[in-house]
Amino acid sequence: MQIYVHSNNQQLGPFTEAEVKAQLASGALSLQDHVWWQGQANWLPLSQTPLATPLSPGIPPLPGSIAPMPGVVLGYPYATEKTSNLALWSLISGISAFFCGITFIPAIILGHMGLSETKKNPAIQGRGMALAGTIIGYVVFAFYVFIPIIAIGVLMVLGNQVKSTFKTINAQVQAAQSSSSQDDTDQSTNSANQSTNNAPDSSTNSAPTITP
């Protein structure tokens, strides 16, 4: 069986079971390092595998021993796959944020925690869910925060335009009223002049006085 080791952000191997146990005993590897071999679903910490048991030299396998069945190493079953609960709840909170809004906060927080958890322990699944929950949380956050700000800005611009339009209309109405008043004044002046011109000249048109 060929065993690969993930230690200090490096992938090492392949090693045999004896080599892994020897390096573990010498301190070259630690129980927190992760291992993987063909047939295993995920990387697992050494502490969760049978490789953590001390090597017993000089004890050969029993004659006629049965080979391990698929899914079993040295008589121990593989560890079951584990999914991050933080990542799962981040995705659930992100989806529910489309309906109730406020859950975008736990979606973002739990998403970052889930990403950190899956990064520290590659054996834990759910990085995709944590990433999706985080992204959805930020999208909803932008929708509920930036969209109202943009809407307020648009309304303010429209309000200024409406005020400017009303001022222009008011100025035009006042100009029209002033022009109408001036026309009425001119007409009354012309009428007075015409009545003066049409009045008879008493000194010219009156008949001479008869003297007896």
N, C-alpha and C. Protein backbone atom coordinates (compact mmCIF):
# COMPACT_ATOMS: atom_id res chain seq x y z
N MET A 1 0.85 -1.19 0.00
CA MET A 1 0.00 0.00 0.00
C MET A 1 0.89 1.24 0.00
N GLN A 2 0.64 2.16 -0.93
CA GLN A 2 1.40 3.40 -1.02
C GLN A 2 0.65 4.50 -0.30
N ILE A 3 1.35 5.15 0.63
CA ILE A 3 0.74 6.16 1.48
C ILE A 3 1.39 7.51 1.18
N TYR A 4 0.54 8.53 0.99
CA TYR A 4 1.02 9.89 0.76
C TYR A 4 0.77 10.72 2.02
N VAL A 5 1.71 11.62 2.29
CA VAL A 5 1.64 12.42 3.52
C VAL A 5 1.60 13.90 3.14
N HIS A 6 0.74 14.65 3.82
CA HIS A 6 0.66 16.10 3.65
C HIS A 6 1.16 16.74 4.94
N SER A 7 2.38 17.33 4.85
CA SER A 7 3.01 17.89 6.04
C SER A 7 3.65 19.22 5.67
N ASN A 8 3.39 20.24 6.51
CA ASN A 8 3.97 21.58 6.29
C ASN A 8 3.68 22.10 4.89
N ASN A 9 2.41 21.94 4.48
CA ASN A 9 1.96 22.42 3.17
C ASN A 9 2.69 21.76 2.01
N GLN A 10 3.22 20.55 2.22
CA GLN A 10 3.88 19.81 1.17
C GLN A 10 3.33 18.39 1.13
N GLN A 11 3.25 17.84 -0.08
CA GLN A 11 2.82 16.46 -0.24
C GLN A 11 4.06 15.58 -0.41
N LEU A 12 4.17 14.59 0.44
CA LEU A 12 5.34 13.72 0.45
C LEU A 12 4.90 12.29 0.14
N GLY A 13 5.85 11.50 -0.34
CA GLY A 13 5.55 10.10 -0.58
C GLY A 13 5.71 9.71 -2.03
N PRO A 14 5.34 8.49 -2.36
CA PRO A 14 4.63 7.55 -1.48
C PRO A 14 5.55 6.82 -0.50
N PHE A 15 4.96 6.41 0.65
CA PHE A 15 5.67 5.67 1.66
C PHE A 15 4.92 4.37 1.94
N THR A 16 5.65 3.43 2.52
CA THR A 16 5.01 2.22 3.02
C THR A 16 4.50 2.47 4.44
N GLU A 17 3.72 1.57 4.94
CA GLU A 17 3.21 1.72 6.31
C GLU A 17 4.35 1.76 7.32
N ALA A 18 5.35 0.93 7.11
CA ALA A 18 6.49 0.89 8.04
C ALA A 18 7.26 2.21 8.01
N GLU A 19 7.43 2.79 6.81
CA GLU A 19 8.16 4.04 6.70
C GLU A 19 7.41 5.18 7.40
N VAL A 20 6.09 5.20 7.24
CA VAL A 20 5.31 6.25 7.89
C VAL A 20 5.41 6.11 9.40
N LYS A 21 5.31 4.90 9.91
CA LYS A 21 5.38 4.70 11.35
C LYS A 21 6.78 5.02 11.88
N ALA A 22 7.80 4.71 11.08
CA ALA A 22 9.16 5.02 11.51
C ALA A 22 9.38 6.53 11.58
N GLN A 23 8.88 7.27 10.58
CA GLN A 23 9.03 8.72 10.60
C GLN A 23 8.20 9.33 11.74
N LEU A 24 7.06 8.73 12.03
CA LEU A 24 6.24 9.21 13.14
C LEU A 24 6.96 8.98 14.47
N ALA A 25 7.61 7.85 14.58
CA ALA A 25 8.33 7.55 15.81
C ALA A 25 9.56 8.44 15.98
N SER A 26 10.20 8.81 14.85
CA SER A 26 11.40 9.64 14.93
C SER A 26 11.06 11.13 15.08
N GLY A 27 9.82 11.49 14.90
CA GLY A 27 9.43 12.89 15.02
C GLY A 27 9.43 13.64 13.71
N ALA A 28 9.79 12.96 12.61
CA ALA A 28 9.75 13.62 11.30
C ALA A 28 8.33 13.95 10.89
N LEU A 29 7.38 13.14 11.36
CA LEU A 29 5.96 13.39 11.12
C LEU A 29 5.26 13.53 12.46
N SER A 30 4.14 14.20 12.45
CA SER A 30 3.35 14.36 13.68
C SER A 30 1.95 13.80 13.46
N LEU A 31 1.25 13.61 14.55
CA LEU A 31 -0.11 13.07 14.47
C LEU A 31 -1.08 14.04 13.79
N GLN A 32 -0.68 15.31 13.69
CA GLN A 32 -1.55 16.29 13.03
C GLN A 32 -1.37 16.30 11.51
N ASP A 33 -0.32 15.66 11.00
CA ASP A 33 -0.14 15.56 9.55
C ASP A 33 -1.23 14.67 8.96
N HIS A 34 -1.56 14.92 7.70
CA HIS A 34 -2.63 14.17 7.05
C HIS A 34 -2.04 13.14 6.09
N VAL A 35 -2.75 12.04 5.94
CA VAL A 35 -2.31 10.96 5.06
C VAL A 35 -3.46 10.55 4.15
N TRP A 36 -3.07 9.97 3.02
CA TRP A 36 -4.06 9.46 2.05
C TRP A 36 -3.45 8.29 1.33
N TRP A 37 -4.29 7.28 1.03
CA TRP A 37 -3.87 6.16 0.21
C TRP A 37 -5.02 5.81 -0.73
N GLN A 38 -4.71 5.08 -1.74
CA GLN A 38 -5.70 4.77 -2.76
C GLN A 38 -6.89 4.03 -2.17
N GLY A 39 -8.07 4.50 -2.52
CA GLY A 39 -9.28 3.92 -1.97
C GLY A 39 -9.88 4.72 -0.83
N GLN A 40 -9.08 5.66 -0.30
CA GLN A 40 -9.58 6.50 0.79
C GLN A 40 -10.27 7.73 0.22
N ALA A 41 -11.38 8.13 0.81
CA ALA A 41 -12.16 9.24 0.26
C ALA A 41 -11.47 10.57 0.45
N ASN A 42 -10.87 10.80 1.61
CA ASN A 42 -10.28 12.10 1.92
C ASN A 42 -8.99 11.93 2.69
N TRP A 43 -8.26 13.05 2.79
CA TRP A 43 -7.08 13.08 3.65
C TRP A 43 -7.52 13.04 5.10
N LEU A 44 -6.80 12.28 5.90
CA LEU A 44 -7.14 12.13 7.31
C LEU A 44 -5.92 12.42 8.17
N PRO A 45 -6.13 12.97 9.37
CA PRO A 45 -5.00 13.12 10.29
C PRO A 45 -4.44 11.76 10.68
N LEU A 46 -3.15 11.71 10.88
CA LEU A 46 -2.53 10.45 11.28
C LEU A 46 -3.14 9.91 12.57
N SER A 47 -3.58 10.83 13.42
CA SER A 47 -4.14 10.39 14.70
C SER A 47 -5.43 9.62 14.54
N GLN A 48 -6.11 9.76 13.39
CA GLN A 48 -7.38 9.08 13.16
C GLN A 48 -7.22 7.82 12.31
N THR A 49 -6.01 7.39 12.10
CA THR A 49 -5.76 6.20 11.27
C THR A 49 -5.00 5.16 12.09
N PRO A 50 -5.01 3.91 11.62
CA PRO A 50 -4.24 2.87 12.31
C PRO A 50 -2.74 3.09 12.26
N LEU A 51 -2.29 4.02 11.40
CA LEU A 51 -0.86 4.29 11.31
C LEU A 51 -0.32 4.91 12.59
N ALA A 52 -1.21 5.44 13.42
CA ALA A 52 -0.76 6.06 14.67
C ALA A 52 -0.29 5.03 15.69
N THR A 53 -0.64 3.74 15.48
CA THR A 53 -0.21 2.70 16.42
C THR A 53 1.27 2.41 16.21
N PRO A 54 2.00 2.11 17.27
CA PRO A 54 3.45 1.87 17.13
C PRO A 54 3.74 0.67 16.24
N LEU A 55 4.84 0.74 15.56
CA LEU A 55 5.28 -0.38 14.72
C LEU A 55 5.87 -1.47 15.61
N SER A 56 5.46 -2.68 15.34
CA SER A 56 5.96 -3.83 16.12
C SER A 56 6.90 -4.62 15.24
N PRO A 57 8.19 -4.36 15.35
CA PRO A 57 9.14 -5.08 14.49
C PRO A 57 9.28 -6.53 14.90
N GLY A 58 9.61 -7.33 13.91
CA GLY A 58 9.90 -8.73 14.18
C GLY A 58 8.67 -9.60 14.27
N ILE A 59 7.49 -9.03 14.04
CA ILE A 59 6.27 -9.84 14.09
C ILE A 59 5.73 -9.94 12.67
N PRO A 60 6.02 -11.01 11.95
CA PRO A 60 5.54 -11.14 10.57
C PRO A 60 4.05 -11.43 10.56
N PRO A 61 3.40 -11.19 9.44
CA PRO A 61 1.98 -11.52 9.35
C PRO A 61 1.76 -13.02 9.46
N LEU A 62 0.66 -13.40 10.01
CA LEU A 62 0.35 -14.81 10.19
C LEU A 62 0.18 -15.49 8.84
N PRO A 63 0.65 -16.71 8.72
CA PRO A 63 0.48 -17.44 7.45
C PRO A 63 -1.01 -17.64 7.16
N GLY A 64 -1.37 -17.41 5.90
CA GLY A 64 -2.75 -17.63 5.49
C GLY A 64 -3.71 -16.55 5.94
N SER A 65 -3.12 -15.41 6.39
CA SER A 65 -4.01 -14.34 6.83
C SER A 65 -4.78 -13.79 5.64
N ILE A 66 -5.97 -13.32 5.87
CA ILE A 66 -6.85 -12.82 4.83
C ILE A 66 -6.51 -11.37 4.55
N ALA A 67 -6.43 -11.02 3.28
CA ALA A 67 -6.13 -9.64 2.89
C ALA A 67 -7.29 -8.73 3.31
N PRO A 68 -6.98 -7.51 3.65
CA PRO A 68 -8.05 -6.59 4.06
C PRO A 68 -9.06 -6.37 2.95
N MET A 69 -10.30 -6.26 3.33
CA MET A 69 -11.38 -5.96 2.38
C MET A 69 -11.32 -4.50 1.98
N PRO A 70 -11.87 -4.17 0.81
CA PRO A 70 -11.91 -2.75 0.41
C PRO A 70 -12.60 -1.92 1.47
N GLY A 71 -11.99 -0.79 1.78
CA GLY A 71 -12.56 0.07 2.82
C GLY A 71 -12.02 -0.23 4.19
N VAL A 72 -11.08 -1.16 4.31
CA VAL A 72 -10.53 -1.52 5.61
C VAL A 72 -9.02 -1.55 5.50
N VAL A 73 -8.34 -0.92 6.44
CA VAL A 73 -6.88 -0.95 6.49
C VAL A 73 -6.47 -1.57 7.81
N LEU A 74 -5.75 -2.69 7.73
CA LEU A 74 -5.27 -3.38 8.93
C LEU A 74 -6.40 -3.69 9.90
N GLY A 75 -7.56 -4.01 9.34
CA GLY A 75 -8.69 -4.37 10.19
C GLY A 75 -9.50 -3.21 10.70
N TYR A 76 -9.10 -1.96 10.37
CA TYR A 76 -9.81 -0.78 10.83
C TYR A 76 -10.55 -0.15 9.65
N PRO A 77 -11.78 0.21 9.80
CA PRO A 77 -12.50 0.85 8.71
C PRO A 77 -12.01 2.28 8.50
N TYR A 78 -12.14 2.77 7.26
CA TYR A 78 -11.80 4.15 6.99
C TYR A 78 -12.70 5.08 7.78
N ALA A 79 -12.16 6.21 8.12
CA ALA A 79 -12.97 7.20 8.81
C ALA A 79 -14.02 7.76 7.86
N THR A 80 -15.21 7.96 8.34
CA THR A 80 -16.28 8.47 7.49
C THR A 80 -16.03 9.93 7.15
N GLU A 81 -16.53 10.32 5.98
CA GLU A 81 -16.35 11.69 5.51
C GLU A 81 -17.14 12.66 6.38
N LYS A 82 -16.54 13.79 6.72
CA LYS A 82 -17.17 14.78 7.58
C LYS A 82 -17.34 16.08 6.83
N THR A 83 -18.53 16.66 6.94
CA THR A 83 -18.83 17.94 6.31
C THR A 83 -18.91 19.03 7.38
N SER A 84 -18.35 20.17 7.08
CA SER A 84 -18.33 21.29 8.04
C SER A 84 -19.75 21.81 8.28
N ASN A 85 -20.17 21.79 9.53
CA ASN A 85 -21.47 22.35 9.88
C ASN A 85 -21.50 23.87 9.67
N LEU A 86 -20.36 24.52 9.87
CA LEU A 86 -20.29 25.96 9.66
C LEU A 86 -20.56 26.30 8.19
N ALA A 87 -19.97 25.51 7.29
CA ALA A 87 -20.19 25.75 5.86
C ALA A 87 -21.65 25.50 5.49
N LEU A 88 -22.23 24.45 6.05
CA LEU A 88 -23.63 24.12 5.74
C LEU A 88 -24.56 25.24 6.19
N TRP A 89 -24.39 25.73 7.41
CA TRP A 89 -25.26 26.79 7.93
C TRP A 89 -24.99 28.12 7.23
N SER A 90 -23.79 28.32 6.75
CA SER A 90 -23.51 29.52 5.97
C SER A 90 -24.33 29.53 4.70
N LEU A 91 -24.38 28.39 4.01
CA LEU A 91 -25.16 28.31 2.77
C LEU A 91 -26.65 28.47 3.05
N ILE A 92 -27.14 27.84 4.14
CA ILE A 92 -28.55 27.97 4.48
C ILE A 92 -28.90 29.42 4.81
N SER A 93 -28.04 30.08 5.57
CA SER A 93 -28.30 31.48 5.93
C SER A 93 -28.25 32.38 4.70
N GLY A 94 -27.34 32.08 3.77
CA GLY A 94 -27.25 32.88 2.56
C GLY A 94 -28.50 32.77 1.70
N ILE A 95 -29.02 31.55 1.58
CA ILE A 95 -30.24 31.37 0.78
C ILE A 95 -31.43 32.04 1.46
N SER A 96 -31.55 31.90 2.77
CA SER A 96 -32.67 32.52 3.48
C SER A 96 -32.58 34.04 3.48
N ALA A 97 -31.37 34.59 3.23
CA ALA A 97 -31.21 36.05 3.21
C ALA A 97 -31.99 36.68 2.06
N PHE A 98 -32.26 35.91 1.00
CA PHE A 98 -33.06 36.45 -0.10
C PHE A 98 -34.50 36.73 0.34
N PHE A 99 -34.93 36.09 1.42
CA PHE A 99 -36.32 36.23 1.86
C PHE A 99 -36.46 37.11 3.10
N CYS A 100 -35.51 37.00 4.04
CA CYS A 100 -35.64 37.80 5.27
C CYS A 100 -34.50 38.81 5.44
N GLY A 101 -33.53 38.81 4.57
CA GLY A 101 -32.53 39.86 4.53
C GLY A 101 -31.48 39.79 5.62
N ILE A 102 -31.86 39.83 6.87
CA ILE A 102 -30.91 39.99 7.97
C ILE A 102 -29.98 38.80 8.12
N THR A 103 -30.34 37.64 7.59
CA THR A 103 -29.49 36.46 7.75
C THR A 103 -28.23 36.51 6.90
N PHE A 104 -28.06 37.59 6.12
CA PHE A 104 -26.79 37.70 5.38
C PHE A 104 -25.62 37.88 6.36
N ILE A 105 -25.89 38.37 7.57
CA ILE A 105 -24.81 38.56 8.55
C ILE A 105 -24.24 37.21 9.00
N PRO A 106 -25.07 36.26 9.50
CA PRO A 106 -24.48 34.96 9.84
C PRO A 106 -23.95 34.21 8.63
N ALA A 107 -24.51 34.46 7.44
CA ALA A 107 -23.99 33.79 6.24
C ALA A 107 -22.55 34.18 6.00
N ILE A 108 -22.24 35.46 6.15
CA ILE A 108 -20.86 35.93 5.93
C ILE A 108 -19.93 35.43 7.04
N ILE A 109 -20.38 35.56 8.29
CA ILE A 109 -19.53 35.16 9.42
C ILE A 109 -19.26 33.65 9.40
N LEU A 110 -20.32 32.86 9.27
CA LEU A 110 -20.15 31.40 9.27
C LEU A 110 -19.38 30.95 8.03
N GLY A 111 -19.56 31.66 6.91
CA GLY A 111 -18.83 31.30 5.70
C GLY A 111 -17.33 31.44 5.88
N HIS A 112 -16.91 32.56 6.48
CA HIS A 112 -15.47 32.75 6.72
C HIS A 112 -14.94 31.71 7.72
N MET A 113 -15.74 31.41 8.73
CA MET A 113 -15.31 30.40 9.70
C MET A 113 -15.22 29.03 9.04
N GLY A 114 -16.18 28.72 8.16
CA GLY A 114 -16.13 27.43 7.45
C GLY A 114 -14.94 27.32 6.52
N LEU A 115 -14.63 28.41 5.82
CA LEU A 115 -13.46 28.41 4.94
C LEU A 115 -12.17 28.19 5.75
N SER A 116 -12.09 28.83 6.91
CA SER A 116 -10.91 28.65 7.75
C SER A 116 -10.82 27.22 8.27
N GLU A 117 -11.97 26.65 8.63
CA GLU A 117 -11.97 25.29 9.16
C GLU A 117 -11.53 24.28 8.11
N THR A 118 -12.07 24.41 6.89
CA THR A 118 -11.70 23.46 5.83
C THR A 118 -10.26 23.66 5.36
N LYS A 119 -9.74 24.87 5.50
CA LYS A 119 -8.35 25.12 5.13
C LYS A 119 -7.40 24.47 6.12
N LYS A 120 -7.74 24.56 7.41
CA LYS A 120 -6.88 23.97 8.44
C LYS A 120 -6.92 22.45 8.42
N ASN A 121 -8.07 21.89 8.08
CA ASN A 121 -8.22 20.44 8.08
C ASN A 121 -8.79 19.99 6.73
N PRO A 122 -7.93 19.58 5.78
CA PRO A 122 -8.41 19.19 4.46
C PRO A 122 -9.35 18.00 4.49
N ALA A 123 -9.38 17.24 5.58
CA ALA A 123 -10.27 16.09 5.66
C ALA A 123 -11.73 16.52 5.81
N ILE A 124 -11.97 17.74 6.21
CA ILE A 124 -13.33 18.23 6.38
C ILE A 124 -13.83 18.82 5.07
N GLN A 125 -14.96 18.35 4.63
CA GLN A 125 -15.56 18.81 3.38
C GLN A 125 -16.45 20.03 3.64
N GLY A 126 -16.82 20.71 2.53
CA GLY A 126 -17.77 21.82 2.63
C GLY A 126 -17.20 23.16 2.25
N ARG A 127 -16.00 23.19 1.69
CA ARG A 127 -15.41 24.48 1.32
C ARG A 127 -16.27 25.19 0.27
N GLY A 128 -16.81 24.42 -0.67
CA GLY A 128 -17.66 25.02 -1.70
C GLY A 128 -18.91 25.65 -1.11
N MET A 129 -19.52 24.97 -0.14
CA MET A 129 -20.72 25.52 0.50
C MET A 129 -20.40 26.79 1.27
N ALA A 130 -19.24 26.77 1.97
CA ALA A 130 -18.85 27.96 2.73
C ALA A 130 -18.60 29.13 1.80
N LEU A 131 -17.95 28.87 0.67
CA LEU A 131 -17.67 29.94 -0.29
C LEU A 131 -18.97 30.48 -0.90
N ALA A 132 -19.89 29.57 -1.23
CA ALA A 132 -21.17 30.01 -1.80
C ALA A 132 -21.97 30.83 -0.79
N GLY A 133 -22.02 30.38 0.45
CA GLY A 133 -22.73 31.13 1.48
C GLY A 133 -22.15 32.51 1.71
N THR A 134 -20.80 32.60 1.69
CA THR A 134 -20.14 33.90 1.87
C THR A 134 -20.47 34.85 0.72
N ILE A 135 -20.38 34.35 -0.51
CA ILE A 135 -20.66 35.20 -1.68
C ILE A 135 -22.11 35.67 -1.67
N ILE A 136 -23.04 34.77 -1.40
CA ILE A 136 -24.45 35.15 -1.35
C ILE A 136 -24.68 36.20 -0.27
N GLY A 137 -24.03 36.02 0.88
CA GLY A 137 -24.17 37.00 1.96
C GLY A 137 -23.73 38.38 1.55
N TYR A 138 -22.58 38.46 0.86
CA TYR A 138 -22.08 39.77 0.41
C TYR A 138 -22.99 40.37 -0.67
N VAL A 139 -23.54 39.54 -1.54
CA VAL A 139 -24.45 40.04 -2.58
C VAL A 139 -25.70 40.64 -1.95
N VAL A 140 -26.28 39.93 -0.99
CA VAL A 140 -27.47 40.45 -0.32
C VAL A 140 -27.13 41.71 0.47
N PHE A 141 -25.95 41.72 1.10
CA PHE A 141 -25.51 42.92 1.83
C PHE A 141 -25.45 44.13 0.89
N ALA A 142 -24.86 43.93 -0.29
CA ALA A 142 -24.78 45.02 -1.27
C ALA A 142 -26.17 45.47 -1.70
N PHE A 143 -27.07 44.51 -1.86
CA PHE A 143 -28.42 44.86 -2.31
C PHE A 143 -29.16 45.69 -1.27
N TYR A 144 -29.04 45.31 0.00
CA TYR A 144 -29.79 46.00 1.05
C TYR A 144 -29.11 47.29 1.52
N VAL A 145 -27.84 47.48 1.22
CA VAL A 145 -27.13 48.67 1.69
C VAL A 145 -26.89 49.67 0.57
N PHE A 146 -26.32 49.21 -0.55
CA PHE A 146 -25.94 50.15 -1.60
C PHE A 146 -27.11 50.55 -2.49
N ILE A 147 -28.06 49.64 -2.72
CA ILE A 147 -29.20 49.99 -3.57
C ILE A 147 -30.01 51.14 -2.98
N PRO A 148 -30.34 51.13 -1.67
CA PRO A 148 -31.06 52.30 -1.11
C PRO A 148 -30.26 53.59 -1.23
N ILE A 149 -28.93 53.51 -1.05
CA ILE A 149 -28.12 54.73 -1.18
C ILE A 149 -28.20 55.28 -2.60
N ILE A 150 -28.12 54.39 -3.59
CA ILE A 150 -28.22 54.83 -4.98
C ILE A 150 -29.61 55.42 -5.25
N ALA A 151 -30.64 54.77 -4.70
CA ALA A 151 -32.00 55.26 -4.90
C ALA A 151 -32.19 56.65 -4.30
N ILE A 152 -31.63 56.87 -3.12
CA ILE A 152 -31.73 58.19 -2.48
C ILE A 152 -31.02 59.24 -3.32
N GLY A 153 -29.85 58.88 -3.86
CA GLY A 153 -29.13 59.82 -4.71
C GLY A 153 -29.91 60.18 -5.96
N VAL A 154 -30.55 59.18 -6.58
CA VAL A 154 -31.35 59.44 -7.78
C VAL A 154 -32.53 60.34 -7.44
N LEU A 155 -33.19 60.07 -6.31
CA LEU A 155 -34.33 60.90 -5.91
C LEU A 155 -33.90 62.34 -5.64
N MET A 156 -32.74 62.53 -5.06
CA MET A 156 -32.26 63.89 -4.80
C MET A 156 -32.00 64.63 -6.11
N VAL A 157 -31.42 63.95 -7.08
CA VAL A 157 -31.17 64.57 -8.38
C VAL A 157 -32.49 64.93 -9.06
N LEU A 158 -33.43 63.99 -9.03
CA LEU A 158 -34.74 64.27 -9.63
C LEU A 158 -35.44 65.41 -8.92
N GLY A 159 -35.31 65.48 -7.59
CA GLY A 159 -35.94 66.56 -6.83
C GLY A 159 -35.37 67.92 -7.23
N ASN A 160 -34.05 67.99 -7.42
CA ASN A 160 -33.43 69.25 -7.85
C ASN A 160 -33.92 69.65 -9.24
N GLN A 161 -34.05 68.67 -10.13
CA GLN A 161 -34.55 68.97 -11.46
C GLN A 161 -35.99 69.47 -11.42
N VAL A 162 -36.82 68.86 -10.55
CA VAL A 162 -38.21 69.31 -10.44
C VAL A 162 -38.27 70.73 -9.89
N LYS A 163 -37.44 71.05 -8.89
CA LYS A 163 -37.41 72.40 -8.35
C LYS A 163 -37.00 73.41 -9.42
N SER A 164 -35.98 73.04 -10.21
CA SER A 164 -35.54 73.94 -11.27
C SER A 164 -36.64 74.16 -12.30
N THR A 165 -37.38 73.11 -12.61
CA THR A 165 -38.48 73.23 -13.58
C THR A 165 -39.57 74.14 -13.04
N PHE A 166 -39.92 73.98 -11.76
CA PHE A 166 -40.94 74.83 -11.16
C PHE A 166 -40.50 76.30 -11.14
N LYS A 167 -39.23 76.54 -10.85
CA LYS A 167 -38.72 77.91 -10.84
C LYS A 167 -38.84 78.54 -12.23
N THR A 168 -38.50 77.75 -13.26
CA THR A 168 -38.59 78.26 -14.63
C THR A 168 -40.03 78.58 -15.00
N ILE A 169 -40.95 77.68 -14.65
CA ILE A 169 -42.37 77.91 -14.96
C ILE A 169 -42.89 79.13 -14.20
N ASN A 170 -42.49 79.28 -12.95
CA ASN A 170 -42.94 80.42 -12.15
C ASN A 170 -42.43 81.73 -12.74
N ALA A 171 -41.17 81.73 -13.19
CA ALA A 171 -40.61 82.94 -13.81
C ALA A 171 -41.34 83.29 -15.08
N GLN A 172 -41.69 82.27 -15.88
CA GLN A 172 -42.43 82.53 -17.12
C GLN A 172 -43.82 83.07 -16.83
N VAL A 173 -44.49 82.54 -15.79
CA VAL A 173 -45.83 83.03 -15.44
C VAL A 173 -45.76 84.48 -14.97
N GLN A 174 -44.76 84.79 -14.14
CA GLN A 174 -44.61 86.18 -13.67
C GLN A 174 -44.31 87.12 -14.83
N ALA A 175 -43.49 86.68 -15.78
CA ALA A 175 -43.19 87.52 -16.94
C ALA A 175 -44.44 87.75 -17.77
N ALA A 176 -45.27 86.68 -17.92
CA ALA A 176 -46.50 86.83 -18.68
C ALA A 176 -47.46 87.78 -17.99
N GLN A 177 -47.58 87.68 -16.66
CA GLN A 177 -48.47 88.58 -15.92
C GLN A 177 -47.99 90.02 -16.01
N SER A 178 -46.68 90.27 -15.95
CA SER A 178 -46.13 91.61 -16.05
C SER A 178 -46.39 92.19 -17.43
N SER A 179 -46.24 91.37 -18.47
CA SER A 179 -46.50 91.84 -19.83
C SER A 179 -47.96 92.18 -20.02
N SER A 180 -48.87 91.37 -19.43
CA SER A 180 -50.31 91.63 -19.54
C SER A 180 -50.68 92.93 -18.83
N SER A 181 -50.12 93.21 -17.68
CA SER A 181 -50.41 94.45 -16.95
C SER A 181 -49.93 95.66 -17.72
N GLN A 182 -48.79 95.54 -18.38
CA GLN A 182 -48.26 96.66 -19.16
C GLN A 182 -49.14 96.94 -20.37
N ASP A 183 -49.69 95.90 -21.00
CA ASP A 183 -50.59 96.08 -22.14
C ASP A 183 -51.86 96.77 -21.72
N ASP A 184 -52.42 96.39 -20.54
CA ASP A 184 -53.64 97.04 -20.05
C ASP A 184 -53.39 98.51 -19.78
N THR A 185 -52.23 98.82 -19.23
CA THR A 185 -51.90 100.23 -18.95
C THR A 185 -51.80 101.03 -20.24
N ASP A 186 -51.18 100.48 -21.27
CA ASP A 186 -51.04 101.16 -22.55
C ASP A 186 -52.40 101.39 -23.20
N GLN A 187 -53.30 100.38 -23.08
CA GLN A 187 -54.63 100.53 -23.68
C GLN A 187 -55.42 101.62 -22.99
N SER A 188 -55.36 101.72 -21.66
CA SER A 188 -56.09 102.76 -20.95
C SER A 188 -55.55 104.14 -21.28
N THR A 189 -54.26 104.25 -21.48
CA THR A 189 -53.66 105.53 -21.86
C THR A 189 -54.11 105.96 -23.24
N ASN A 190 -54.15 105.04 -24.18
CA ASN A 190 -54.59 105.34 -25.54
C ASN A 190 -56.06 105.75 -25.57
N SER A 191 -56.90 105.10 -24.75
CA SER A 191 -58.32 105.44 -24.71
C SER A 191 -58.52 106.85 -24.18
N ALA A 192 -57.74 107.22 -23.16
CA ALA A 192 -57.86 108.58 -22.61
C ALA A 192 -57.45 109.61 -23.65
N ASN A 193 -56.43 109.32 -24.42
CA ASN A 193 -56.00 110.26 -25.45
C ASN A 193 -57.04 110.42 -26.54
N GLN A 194 -57.70 109.30 -26.91
CA GLN A 194 -58.73 109.37 -27.94
C GLN A 194 -59.92 110.18 -27.47
N SER A 195 -60.38 110.03 -26.25
CA SER A 195 -61.53 110.78 -25.74
C SER A 195 -61.21 112.27 -25.68
N THR A 196 -59.99 112.61 -25.41
CA THR A 196 -59.57 114.02 -25.37
C THR A 196 -59.59 114.63 -26.77
N ASN A 197 -59.13 113.86 -27.72
CA ASN A 197 -59.09 114.37 -29.10
C ASN A 197 -60.48 114.51 -29.69
N ASN A 198 -61.45 113.71 -29.33
CA ASN A 198 -62.80 113.74 -29.91
C ASN A 198 -63.70 114.78 -29.26
N ALA A 199 -63.33 115.34 -28.12
CA ALA A 199 -64.19 116.33 -27.44
C ALA A 199 -64.26 117.62 -28.25
N PRO A 200 -65.45 118.30 -28.44
CA PRO A 200 -65.58 119.54 -29.24
C PRO A 200 -64.89 120.70 -28.56
N ASP A 201 -64.33 121.60 -29.37
CA ASP A 201 -63.65 122.79 -28.88
C ASP A 201 -64.70 123.87 -28.65
N SER A 202 -65.00 124.13 -27.41
CA SER A 202 -66.07 125.08 -27.08
C SER A 202 -65.78 126.47 -27.57
N SER A 203 -64.52 126.82 -27.64
CA SER A 203 -64.18 128.15 -28.07
C SER A 203 -64.34 128.33 -29.56
N THR A 204 -64.31 127.25 -30.29
CA THR A 204 -64.38 127.35 -31.75
C THR A 204 -65.78 127.04 -32.26
N ASN A 205 -66.40 126.09 -31.72
CA ASN A 205 -67.68 125.62 -32.26
C ASN A 205 -68.90 126.33 -31.65
N SER A 206 -68.74 127.09 -30.59
CA SER A 206 -69.93 127.72 -29.98
C SER A 206 -70.39 128.90 -30.86
N ALA A 207 -71.68 129.16 -30.95
CA ALA A 207 -72.25 130.25 -31.77
C ALA A 207 -71.94 131.59 -31.17
N PRO A 208 -71.74 132.66 -32.00
CA PRO A 208 -71.46 133.99 -31.46
C PRO A 208 -72.66 134.57 -30.71
N THR A 209 -72.35 135.30 -29.76
CA THR A 209 -73.41 135.92 -28.93
C THR A 209 -74.01 137.11 -29.71
N ILE A 210 -75.39 137.22 -29.76
CA ILE A 210 -76.09 138.30 -30.46
C ILE A 210 -76.24 139.50 -29.54
N THR A 211 -75.77 140.61 -30.03
CA THR A 211 -75.86 141.83 -29.23
C THR A 211 -77.06 142.63 -29.69
N PRO A 212 -78.03 143.12 -28.92
CA PRO A 212 -79.23 143.87 -29.33
C PRO A 212 -78.84 145.31 -29.72
